[in-house]
Protein backbone atom coordinates (compact mmCIF):
# COMPACT_ATOMS: atom_id res chain seq x y z
CA MET A 1 -56.79 -70.94 10.45
CA SER A 2 -59.86 -70.71 9.14
CA GLY A 3 -61.74 -72.25 5.67
CA GLN A 4 -60.35 -74.56 2.85
CA ALA A 5 -56.96 -72.82 2.20
CA ASP A 6 -56.15 -75.25 -0.48
CA GLU A 7 -59.23 -74.23 -2.76
CA ALA A 8 -58.49 -70.93 -2.59
CA GLU A 9 -57.94 -68.76 -6.17
CA VAL A 10 -56.98 -65.42 -4.57
CA LEU A 11 -54.68 -64.57 -1.45
CA VAL A 12 -54.95 -61.62 -0.13
CA LEU A 13 -51.82 -60.34 1.65
CA GLY A 14 -51.55 -57.74 4.89
CA GLY A 15 -54.51 -55.48 5.70
CA ALA A 16 -56.07 -56.89 8.66
CA GLY A 17 -57.05 -55.04 11.57
CA VAL A 18 -60.01 -53.42 13.71
CA ASP A 19 -61.48 -49.64 12.84
CA THR A 20 -63.26 -47.96 15.30
CA ILE A 21 -65.87 -44.77 13.91
CA VAL A 22 -66.26 -41.99 15.09
CA HIS A 23 -69.69 -39.82 13.55
CA VAL A 24 -68.27 -36.30 13.95
CA PRO A 25 -70.19 -33.00 13.24
CA GLU A 26 -67.82 -31.81 10.23
CA LEU A 27 -64.66 -32.45 8.56
CA PRO A 28 -62.19 -30.93 9.50
CA LEU A 29 -63.43 -31.09 12.82
CA PRO A 30 -62.78 -27.68 14.53
CA TYR A 31 -61.40 -27.76 17.77
CA ALA A 32 -63.05 -28.30 21.35
CA ASP A 33 -62.47 -29.57 24.74
CA SER A 34 -65.80 -32.19 23.84
CA TYR A 35 -68.33 -33.46 21.63
CA MET A 36 -71.20 -35.21 22.10
CA ILE A 37 -71.18 -38.10 19.63
CA ASP A 38 -74.93 -39.03 20.05
CA SER A 39 -74.54 -42.17 17.37
CA GLY A 40 -72.18 -44.28 19.34
CA ILE A 41 -68.73 -44.95 19.41
CA ARG A 42 -67.94 -48.53 17.39
CA THR A 43 -64.73 -51.24 16.93
CA ARG A 44 -65.15 -53.29 14.43
CA ALA A 45 -63.03 -55.54 12.41
CA GLY A 46 -62.46 -54.55 8.44
CA GLN A 47 -59.32 -53.18 7.20
CA THR A 48 -57.95 -52.97 3.46
CA GLY A 49 -57.06 -56.29 2.92
CA ASP A 50 -60.20 -57.53 5.29
CA PHE A 51 -62.82 -55.36 2.85
CA VAL A 52 -60.79 -56.58 -0.18
CA ALA A 53 -61.25 -59.95 1.19
CA LEU A 54 -64.88 -59.48 1.89
CA GLY A 55 -65.71 -58.12 -1.82
CA LEU A 56 -63.60 -61.13 -3.43
CA ALA A 57 -65.67 -64.11 -1.23
CA ALA A 58 -68.62 -61.75 -1.51
CA LEU A 59 -68.94 -61.97 -5.52
CA GLY A 60 -67.94 -65.67 -5.15
CA LEU A 61 -64.35 -66.07 -5.18
CA ARG A 62 -62.80 -68.34 -2.80
CA THR A 63 -60.20 -66.25 -1.53
CA HIS A 64 -57.25 -66.87 2.03
CA HIS A 65 -56.12 -63.33 3.94
CA LEU A 66 -52.64 -64.24 5.39
CA ASP A 67 -51.33 -61.68 7.76
CA LEU A 68 -50.77 -61.08 11.46
CA LEU A 69 -52.79 -60.76 14.00
CA GLY A 70 -52.04 -60.02 17.84
CA ASP A 71 -53.85 -62.61 20.21
CA ASP A 72 -56.02 -59.54 21.95
CA PRO A 73 -59.89 -58.80 21.50
CA GLU A 74 -59.01 -56.82 18.05
CA GLY A 75 -57.46 -59.80 16.21
CA ASP A 76 -60.24 -61.85 17.92
CA LEU A 77 -62.45 -59.17 15.85
CA VAL A 78 -60.92 -60.02 12.46
CA ARG A 79 -60.65 -63.86 13.21
CA ALA A 80 -64.87 -63.71 13.61
CA LEU A 81 -65.46 -61.51 10.56
CA HIS A 82 -63.24 -64.34 8.22
CA ALA A 83 -65.72 -67.01 10.31
CA GLU A 84 -68.78 -65.20 9.84
CA HIS A 85 -68.10 -65.10 5.81
CA GLY A 86 -66.24 -68.38 5.27
CA ILE A 87 -62.80 -66.60 4.17
CA ALA A 88 -59.95 -68.88 4.55
CA LEU A 89 -57.36 -67.14 6.88
CA THR A 90 -54.01 -67.44 7.77
CA ALA A 91 -52.77 -65.36 11.29
CA LEU A 92 -49.90 -65.03 11.97
CA PRO A 93 -48.34 -63.87 15.78
CA GLN A 94 -47.81 -60.21 15.74
CA PRO A 95 -46.60 -59.24 19.72
CA ALA A 96 -47.07 -55.55 19.01
CA GLY A 97 -50.47 -56.25 18.80
CA THR A 98 -53.58 -56.47 16.02
CA LYS A 99 -53.44 -53.10 13.31
CA ARG A 100 -56.11 -50.27 14.53
CA ALA A 101 -57.27 -47.16 13.42
CA VAL A 102 -59.88 -44.45 14.16
CA ASN A 103 -62.26 -43.09 11.65
CA LEU A 104 -63.81 -40.25 12.27
CA VAL A 105 -67.19 -39.72 9.87
CA GLY A 106 -68.61 -37.22 8.68
CA PRO A 107 -72.16 -35.83 7.35
CA ASP A 108 -71.02 -36.38 4.07
CA GLY A 109 -69.51 -39.77 4.32
CA ARG A 110 -66.13 -38.58 3.86
CA ARG A 111 -63.84 -40.09 6.19
CA LEU A 112 -60.15 -38.82 8.38
CA SER A 113 -58.44 -42.21 9.55
CA LEU A 114 -56.10 -42.16 12.24
CA TYR A 115 -53.63 -44.70 12.11
CA ASP A 116 -51.74 -46.50 15.35
CA THR A 117 -48.16 -47.31 13.74
CA SER A 118 -47.43 -48.53 16.91
CA ARG A 119 -48.92 -52.22 15.95
CA ALA A 120 -46.07 -53.16 13.50
CA HIS A 121 -42.40 -53.67 13.80
CA PRO A 122 -39.68 -52.84 10.99
CA ASP A 123 -38.28 -56.62 11.33
CA ASP A 124 -41.88 -58.19 10.52
CA ARG A 125 -41.91 -60.51 7.94
CA PHE A 126 -43.79 -63.12 6.57
CA PRO A 127 -42.41 -67.06 6.37
CA GLU A 128 -40.24 -67.32 2.62
CA SER A 129 -42.00 -70.91 2.88
CA THR A 130 -45.45 -69.79 4.32
CA LEU A 131 -45.86 -67.23 1.38
CA ARG A 132 -44.96 -69.33 -1.42
CA ALA A 133 -47.01 -72.23 0.21
CA LEU A 134 -50.15 -70.01 -0.18
CA ALA A 135 -49.10 -67.71 -3.92
CA ALA A 136 -47.91 -70.55 -6.12
CA THR A 137 -51.49 -72.54 -6.43
CA ARG A 138 -53.40 -69.06 -6.67
CA ARG A 139 -55.24 -67.51 -9.82
CA HIS A 140 -53.95 -64.00 -8.50
CA VAL A 141 -52.83 -62.22 -5.13
CA HIS A 142 -53.43 -59.04 -4.10
CA VAL A 143 -51.36 -57.48 -2.11
CA THR A 144 -51.69 -54.13 0.47
CA ILE A 145 -49.35 -51.92 1.36
CA THR A 146 -49.12 -52.57 4.87
CA GLN A 147 -46.05 -53.60 6.81
CA PRO A 148 -44.47 -56.37 5.99
CA CYS A 149 -45.52 -56.78 2.50
CA ALA A 150 -43.09 -54.83 0.44
CA HIS A 151 -40.81 -57.48 1.83
CA ALA A 152 -42.42 -60.42 0.06
CA LEU A 153 -42.79 -58.78 -3.62
CA PRO A 154 -39.73 -60.37 -4.97
CA VAL A 155 -40.55 -63.56 -3.38
CA LEU A 156 -43.95 -63.62 -5.04
CA ARG A 157 -42.54 -62.65 -8.45
CA GLU A 158 -40.70 -65.53 -8.13
CA THR A 159 -43.84 -67.35 -7.70
CA GLY A 160 -45.13 -66.06 -11.53
CA VAL A 161 -48.62 -65.59 -9.81
CA PRO A 162 -50.42 -62.31 -11.17
CA LEU A 163 -50.06 -59.51 -8.72
CA SER A 164 -52.31 -56.29 -7.85
CA THR A 165 -51.87 -53.84 -5.41
CA ASP A 166 -53.88 -50.47 -3.74
CA LEU A 167 -51.54 -47.11 -3.62
CA HIS A 168 -54.37 -45.64 -1.88
CA ASP A 169 -53.65 -42.06 -2.10
CA TRP A 170 -50.60 -42.18 -3.04
CA ASP A 171 -48.57 -38.45 -3.72
CA GLY A 172 -46.74 -39.82 -6.71
CA GLU A 173 -43.55 -39.01 -4.74
CA ASN A 174 -43.30 -41.02 -1.19
CA PRO A 175 -40.73 -43.76 -1.75
CA TYR A 176 -42.26 -46.49 0.38
CA HIS A 177 -45.46 -46.47 -2.72
CA GLU A 178 -42.99 -47.17 -5.14
CA PRO A 179 -42.01 -51.16 -5.00
CA PHE A 180 -45.58 -52.34 -4.32
CA ALA A 181 -46.17 -49.61 -7.70
CA TYR A 182 -43.56 -51.28 -9.85
CA ALA A 183 -44.01 -55.04 -9.01
CA ALA A 184 -47.53 -55.10 -9.13
CA ASP A 185 -49.46 -56.20 -12.54
CA VAL A 186 -52.85 -54.07 -11.43
CA VAL A 187 -52.28 -50.99 -9.81
CA PHE A 188 -54.86 -49.18 -7.84
CA LEU A 189 -54.80 -45.72 -6.54
CA SER A 190 -56.75 -42.71 -5.17
CA ALA A 191 -56.26 -39.10 -7.30
CA ALA A 192 -57.10 -37.41 -4.19
CA ALA A 193 -53.71 -36.46 -3.68
CA LEU A 194 -52.26 -36.02 -7.37
CA THR A 195 -52.55 -32.65 -9.08
CA ASP A 196 -52.02 -34.88 -12.78
CA PRO A 197 -53.28 -38.47 -12.22
CA GLU A 198 -52.34 -39.51 -16.04
CA ARG A 199 -48.53 -38.57 -15.38
CA THR A 200 -48.80 -40.71 -12.41
CA MET A 201 -50.46 -43.47 -14.10
CA ARG A 202 -47.90 -43.60 -17.20
CA ARG A 203 -45.04 -43.56 -15.09
CA ILE A 204 -46.03 -46.26 -13.18
CA ALA A 205 -46.74 -48.37 -16.38
CA GLU A 206 -43.42 -46.78 -18.21
CA ARG A 207 -41.50 -47.99 -14.48
CA GLY A 208 -42.89 -51.29 -13.63
CA ARG A 209 -44.74 -54.36 -14.68
CA ALA A 210 -48.20 -53.05 -14.54
CA ARG A 211 -50.25 -52.51 -17.94
CA THR A 212 -53.34 -51.93 -16.04
CA VAL A 213 -53.40 -48.77 -13.48
CA VAL A 214 -56.80 -47.38 -12.14
CA ALA A 215 -57.23 -44.11 -10.51
CA THR A 216 -59.93 -44.11 -8.99
CA ALA A 217 -62.10 -40.07 -7.80
CA GLY A 218 -64.90 -40.19 -6.19
CA ALA A 219 -67.92 -39.07 -7.62
CA GLU A 220 -66.19 -38.36 -10.79
CA GLY A 221 -65.04 -41.79 -11.42
CA ALA A 222 -61.73 -43.52 -12.36
CA HIS A 223 -59.27 -43.09 -14.83
CA LEU A 224 -58.75 -46.22 -16.53
CA LEU A 225 -55.40 -47.06 -18.43
CA ALA A 226 -54.63 -49.78 -19.96
CA ASP A 227 -52.57 -51.18 -22.37
CA GLY A 228 -51.28 -47.20 -22.72
CA GLU A 229 -54.76 -45.97 -23.52
CA LEU A 230 -56.56 -44.23 -20.97
CA THR A 231 -59.96 -43.98 -21.03
CA ARG A 232 -62.95 -42.05 -18.30
CA ILE A 233 -65.01 -44.43 -16.60
CA PRO A 234 -68.09 -42.55 -15.06
CA ALA A 235 -69.15 -43.12 -11.71
CA ALA A 236 -71.98 -45.34 -10.91
CA ASP A 237 -75.34 -44.10 -8.93
CA PRO A 238 -75.83 -45.05 -5.45
CA PRO A 239 -78.63 -47.48 -4.76
CA ALA A 240 -78.83 -45.75 -1.31
CA PRO A 241 -78.31 -42.66 -0.12
CA VAL A 242 -73.72 -41.97 0.49
CA VAL A 243 -73.26 -42.16 4.82
CA ASP A 244 -69.23 -43.43 4.32
CA SER A 245 -66.65 -43.31 1.81
CA ASN A 246 -64.68 -46.23 3.74
CA GLY A 247 -64.38 -49.33 1.97
CA ALA A 248 -64.84 -47.78 -1.67
CA GLY A 249 -61.25 -48.17 -2.83
CA ASP A 250 -61.05 -51.49 -1.69
CA ALA A 251 -64.93 -52.52 -2.79
CA PHE A 252 -63.81 -51.36 -6.60
CA ALA A 253 -60.32 -53.25 -6.31
CA ALA A 254 -62.01 -56.20 -5.24
CA ALA A 255 -65.02 -56.01 -8.24
CA PHE A 256 -62.44 -55.34 -10.88
CA LEU A 257 -59.98 -57.96 -10.02
CA TYR A 258 -63.58 -60.05 -10.25
CA GLY A 259 -64.04 -58.88 -13.74
CA ARG A 260 -60.61 -59.63 -14.45
CA LEU A 261 -60.21 -63.07 -13.59
CA SER A 262 -63.39 -63.82 -15.22
CA GLY A 263 -62.15 -62.90 -18.71
CA GLU A 264 -63.96 -59.19 -19.12
CA PRO A 265 -62.11 -56.41 -20.39
CA PRO A 266 -60.39 -53.79 -18.78
CA GLU A 267 -63.15 -51.16 -19.27
CA ARG A 268 -65.30 -53.62 -18.36
CA CYS A 269 -63.84 -54.74 -15.09
CA ALA A 270 -63.34 -51.24 -13.90
CA ARG A 271 -67.41 -50.59 -14.67
CA TYR A 272 -67.31 -53.38 -11.94
CA GLY A 273 -65.48 -51.63 -9.74
CA ALA A 274 -67.45 -47.93 -9.83
CA ILE A 275 -70.49 -50.34 -9.11
CA ALA A 276 -69.26 -52.14 -6.05
CA GLY A 277 -67.66 -49.01 -5.01
CA ALA A 278 -70.78 -46.80 -5.14
CA TYR A 279 -72.70 -49.71 -3.30
CA ALA A 280 -69.75 -49.88 -0.46
CA CYS A 281 -70.77 -46.08 -0.20
CA THR A 282 -74.45 -46.70 1.06
CA VAL A 283 -72.91 -48.99 4.17
CA PRO A 284 -72.70 -47.44 7.56
CA ALA A 285 -69.72 -47.49 8.63
CA ALA A 286 -70.25 -50.32 11.73
CA ARG A 287 -71.01 -52.57 9.32
CA ALA A 288 -68.67 -54.86 7.52
CA ASP A 289 -70.34 -55.65 3.93
CA ALA A 290 -69.77 -56.01 0.11
CA ILE A 291 -72.38 -56.49 -2.59
CA GLY A 292 -72.84 -59.42 -4.43
CA ARG A 293 -72.18 -61.19 -7.85
CA ASP A 294 -75.81 -61.45 -8.94
CA GLU A 295 -76.92 -57.88 -7.97
CA LEU A 296 -73.63 -56.39 -9.40
CA LEU A 297 -74.17 -58.10 -12.86
CA ARG A 298 -77.47 -56.89 -12.63
CA ARG A 299 -76.79 -53.39 -11.78
CA ALA A 300 -74.05 -54.15 -14.41
CA ALA A 301 -76.93 -55.08 -16.81
CA ALA A 302 -78.89 -52.08 -16.15
CA ALA A 303 -76.46 -49.42 -16.67
CA GLY A 304 -75.77 -51.38 -19.77
CA ARG A 305 -72.33 -51.89 -18.65
C-alpha cells in the first residue's frame, strides 16, 4: 500500500489495469493479413478506475484506490502510476493477473477496446473488513463496474457513504449493470448505445437511489438529470487537437465529483466534467494525464461556467 490512506477523501473501487495502445489507419479496421504500425505499440497503466483516481488527485482531492492486482509486470506498472501521482493504493492479490486490454485508436481519436476477461474469477471478492475500513471515513466512494465490485455494493451502502458509478456504454438492458445503476447516488453513463437517453436516465432515477444521472454524448455534450429536471450540457472546446477519446468519460466523472464535493450545483459540476473530458481527448493514448484544478477553474471562468 502506498500514500496516506487515512487522509483520503475519496475511495475509488476497482478498474485498475493496463492498456496496450495500437494506432490503426481506420475504424472499423478492414481485414488484412497484417498492418505496419509506424507509431509504435505501447503498453501503459491506466484503466477506468486508474483514470478516475488520477483525475480526482489532479484536482486536489486526496484519493485512495482499492483493487485486485497481479504480481506481474502489468501490476508493477499500475503501482508505479499511483506512486508517481501520490495516489494511495491498496492492491489485493489477484492470482489470475492484472486486468489488461488492447485499445485500437483511429485517426479521429475514436477507440475500440478489447478486454481480457480471463483476468478475473467469479469468486473474487473484496474482504468486507477492508471495504468497511476504507469506505467508512471517506466523503465519497466511486465504484467501477469491474469484477468484483457488484458484490461490494451492499457493504458500501451500509456504511452510508455516498456512491457514484459509471455504466459506460450500457444499452439500458444488460442486467449486469443494474445493481450499479440502482445502488449509486450519482450515475454516469455514455449515450452511445442508447436510443432514448432520457428514458433510460429517468428509469435509473425512478428505480434506484440516484437523484443525479449524467449521460455523456461526446461532441454533442451531455444530458443531465438532476432532481427530476433534464438539462442539456454543451460540449467544451478542446484546448488542442483531439487525438484519443480514451479516458474522457473518466475525466468527466472526476471533474463532476470534484464540483459536487466542492458544493457546486449539478449543472456547474457537469460543465466542469465537459471541460475535463475535452482536455482528456487531447492527451495521447500512451500517456496518463489529467487536467489540474487551476486550469479547470480558469477554463470554466473563461467560458462563463
